[in-house]
Amino acid sequence: MEDAKTISELKSLGQKSQEMLACAGITTIAQLRDLGSVEAFVRTKRAVPGISLNLLWALESALSGEPWQEVSRRHRTSLLLAVDEREKNANNSLQARRP
């Protein structure tokens, strides 16, 4: 990850991933690192409806250095639970703001 200058240069991510992340306001490797794979995926999913879980595996792969195939096999359940929890928290926050 140290040699990459743009998101598209990260392992498992390319130009299309970079464009989707940019739609969610994620434009730098530092932002991606700070947010983590789950938060980046949830934000991108809100900005780009219909994205696949492959982006989640690719994001985690880019940040962890593990091949995306290993990420999807080893960390699938924990990542999906984290995404579900993050989305529930976001929905609860929205409902709390309504009068």
Protein backbone atom coordinates (compact mmCIF):
# COMPACT_ATOMS: atom_id res chain seq x y z
CA MET A 1 0.00 0.00 0.00
CA GLU A 2 2.98 2.31 0.60
CA ASP A 3 3.85 2.62 -3.11
CA ALA A 4 0.30 3.42 -4.23
CA LYS A 5 -0.40 7.07 -4.92
CA THR A 6 -4.05 6.75 -5.89
CA ILE A 7 -6.86 4.46 -4.82
CA SER A 8 -6.86 2.75 -8.21
CA GLU A 9 -3.25 1.69 -7.66
CA LEU A 10 -4.13 -0.26 -4.50
CA LYS A 11 -4.20 -4.04 -4.70
CA SER A 12 -7.66 -5.33 -5.70
CA LEU A 13 -8.99 -1.87 -6.60
CA GLY A 14 -9.02 -0.23 -10.00
CA GLN A 15 -10.32 2.79 -11.83
CA LYS A 16 -13.97 1.79 -11.54
CA SER A 17 -13.64 1.29 -7.77
CA GLN A 18 -11.93 4.65 -7.49
CA GLU A 19 -14.79 6.31 -9.39
CA MET A 20 -17.44 4.67 -7.17
CA LEU A 21 -15.59 5.70 -4.01
CA ALA A 22 -15.28 9.26 -5.35
CA CYS A 23 -19.08 9.38 -5.66
CA ALA A 24 -19.13 8.84 -1.89
CA GLY A 25 -16.53 11.57 -1.32
CA ILE A 26 -13.66 9.14 -0.74
CA THR A 27 -10.82 10.34 -2.94
CA THR A 28 -7.59 9.57 -1.09
CA ILE A 29 -5.88 6.52 0.33
CA ALA A 30 -5.70 8.30 3.69
CA GLN A 31 -9.48 8.77 3.74
CA LEU A 32 -9.99 5.13 2.86
CA ARG A 33 -7.58 4.02 5.57
CA ASP A 34 -9.24 6.29 8.16
CA LEU A 35 -12.76 5.10 7.30
CA GLY A 36 -11.96 1.42 6.95
CA SER A 37 -13.51 -1.02 4.52
CA VAL A 38 -16.95 -1.27 6.14
CA GLU A 39 -17.62 2.46 6.45
CA ALA A 40 -16.25 3.10 2.95
CA PHE A 41 -18.48 0.36 1.54
CA VAL A 42 -21.61 1.64 3.34
CA ARG A 43 -21.00 5.21 2.16
CA THR A 44 -20.37 4.06 -1.39
CA LYS A 45 -23.45 1.84 -1.33
CA ARG A 46 -25.54 4.90 -0.39
CA ALA A 47 -24.00 6.95 -3.21
CA VAL A 48 -23.97 4.22 -5.86
CA PRO A 49 -27.00 1.94 -5.53
CA GLY A 50 -26.53 -1.57 -6.78
CA ILE A 51 -22.85 -2.05 -6.01
CA SER A 52 -21.88 -5.63 -5.30
CA LEU A 53 -20.23 -7.17 -2.28
CA ASN A 54 -17.14 -7.61 -4.42
CA LEU A 55 -16.32 -3.99 -3.60
CA LEU A 56 -16.37 -4.81 0.11
CA TRP A 57 -13.98 -7.72 -0.39
CA ALA A 58 -11.74 -5.55 -2.58
CA LEU A 59 -11.68 -2.71 -0.04
CA GLU A 60 -10.72 -5.04 2.79
CA SER A 61 -8.12 -6.66 0.55
CA ALA A 62 -6.62 -3.29 -0.34
CA LEU A 63 -6.37 -2.31 3.33
CA SER A 64 -5.24 -5.65 4.74
CA GLY A 65 -3.04 -6.91 1.92
CA GLU A 66 -4.87 -10.25 1.82
CA PRO A 67 -6.09 -11.48 -1.58
CA TRP A 68 -9.76 -10.61 -2.07
CA GLN A 69 -10.61 -14.29 -2.50
CA GLU A 70 -9.24 -14.98 0.99
CA VAL A 71 -11.08 -11.99 2.40
CA SER A 72 -14.39 -13.21 0.95
CA ARG A 73 -13.76 -16.69 2.31
CA ARG A 74 -12.28 -15.95 5.74
CA HIS A 75 -13.90 -12.66 6.71
CA ARG A 76 -17.24 -12.81 4.88
CA THR A 77 -19.42 -13.26 7.96
CA SER A 78 -17.67 -10.67 10.13
CA LEU A 79 -17.68 -8.07 7.34
CA LEU A 80 -21.34 -8.66 6.52
CA LEU A 81 -22.28 -8.39 10.20
CA ALA A 82 -20.29 -5.17 10.49
CA VAL A 83 -22.01 -3.71 7.41
CA ASP A 84 -25.41 -4.71 8.78
CA GLU A 85 -24.64 -3.13 12.16
CA ARG A 86 -23.37 0.07 10.54
CA GLU A 87 -26.48 0.34 8.36
CA LYS A 88 -28.77 -0.26 11.37
CA ASN A 89 -26.98 2.45 13.34
CA ALA A 90 -27.33 4.86 10.41
CA ASN A 91 -31.06 4.10 10.10
CA ASN A 92 -31.58 4.54 13.86
CA SER A 93 -29.82 7.91 13.71
CA LEU A 94 -32.09 9.04 10.87
CA GLN A 95 -35.22 7.94 12.71
CA ALA A 96 -34.10 9.71 15.91
CA ARG A 97 -33.81 13.00 14.01
CA ARG A 98 -37.35 12.87 12.69
CA PRO A 99 -39.89 14.94 14.67
